[in-house]
Amino acid sequence: MSMIGAVCIFVFTLLVYTKNGYFVNSPALMYLCALIAAFFTFILTFALLSVTAHICNKRNARLDEACEEDEDE
């Protein structure tokens, strides 16, 4: 999912830069800026999804323990 977000940001950044005429004289710089934006999007999305998955796994484990305790009684 993080890679999908990064690719979307890369394409979106290229489209915005092209439409607005940024980096007309330096297309390599345009690609570099789009790549940096995509990289940071990937890192931030990956970190957010990892934290969310950890919280969900912790909650599921707590609910499973509570369910097992109810079955024992």
Protein backbone atom coordinates (compact mmCIF):
# COMPACT_ATOMS: atom_id res chain seq x y z
CA MET A 1 0.00 0.00 0.00
CA SER A 2 2.88 2.35 0.71
CA MET A 3 4.30 1.74 -2.75
CA ILE A 4 0.96 2.54 -4.35
CA GLY A 5 0.85 5.85 -2.51
CA ALA A 6 4.43 6.64 -3.51
CA VAL A 7 3.74 5.93 -7.18
CA CYS A 8 0.61 8.09 -7.09
CA ILE A 9 2.53 10.98 -5.52
CA PHE A 10 5.34 10.58 -8.08
CA VAL A 11 2.91 10.78 -11.01
CA PHE A 12 0.91 13.61 -9.42
CA THR A 13 4.07 15.63 -8.74
CA LEU A 14 5.26 15.16 -12.32
CA LEU A 15 1.88 16.25 -13.67
CA VAL A 16 1.78 19.37 -11.49
CA TYR A 17 5.35 20.34 -12.35
CA THR A 18 4.72 19.80 -16.06
CA LYS A 19 1.41 21.67 -16.12
CA ASN A 20 2.75 24.68 -14.22
CA GLY A 21 6.00 24.85 -16.17
CA TYR A 22 8.36 24.22 -13.26
CA PHE A 23 11.83 22.94 -14.08
CA VAL A 24 11.40 23.55 -17.82
CA ASN A 25 15.16 23.87 -18.29
CA SER A 26 16.01 20.91 -16.06
CA PRO A 27 13.81 17.82 -16.43
CA ALA A 28 16.30 15.78 -14.38
CA LEU A 29 15.69 18.07 -11.41
CA MET A 30 11.95 17.68 -11.91
CA TYR A 31 12.26 13.89 -11.75
CA LEU A 32 14.53 14.14 -8.72
CA CYS A 33 12.03 16.32 -6.84
CA ALA A 34 9.19 13.95 -7.71
CA LEU A 35 11.30 11.00 -6.59
CA ILE A 36 12.10 12.67 -3.26
CA ALA A 37 8.40 13.42 -2.69
CA ALA A 38 7.53 9.80 -3.49
CA PHE A 39 10.28 8.49 -1.19
CA PHE A 40 9.11 10.51 1.80
CA THR A 41 5.50 9.56 1.09
CA PHE A 42 6.53 5.89 1.06
CA ILE A 43 8.44 6.20 4.36
CA LEU A 44 5.67 8.09 6.16
CA THR A 45 2.90 5.81 4.88
CA PHE A 46 4.88 2.69 5.74
CA ALA A 47 5.54 3.96 9.27
CA LEU A 48 1.90 4.90 9.80
CA LEU A 49 0.65 1.54 8.53
CA SER A 50 3.18 -0.32 10.68
CA VAL A 51 2.11 1.51 13.83
CA THR A 52 -1.55 0.93 13.00
CA ALA A 53 -0.94 -2.80 12.37
CA HIS A 54 0.90 -3.10 15.68
CA ILE A 55 -1.98 -1.44 17.55
CA CYS A 56 -4.53 -3.69 15.83
CA ASN A 57 -2.54 -6.85 16.60
CA LYS A 58 -2.22 -5.81 20.24
CA ARG A 59 -5.96 -5.18 20.49
CA ASN A 60 -6.80 -8.50 18.80
CA ALA A 61 -4.54 -10.35 21.23
CA ARG A 62 -6.25 -8.62 24.17
CA LEU A 63 -9.69 -9.52 22.79
CA ASP A 64 -8.62 -13.15 22.24
CA GLU A 65 -7.41 -13.38 25.84
CA ALA A 66 -10.70 -11.95 27.10
CA CYS A 67 -12.63 -14.40 24.94
CA GLU A 68 -10.60 -17.36 26.26
CA GLU A 69 -11.19 -16.25 29.85
CA ASP A 70 -14.93 -16.13 29.20
CA GLU A 71 -14.85 -19.67 27.75
CA ASP A 72 -12.95 -20.99 30.81
CA GLU A 73 -15.63 -19.72 33.17
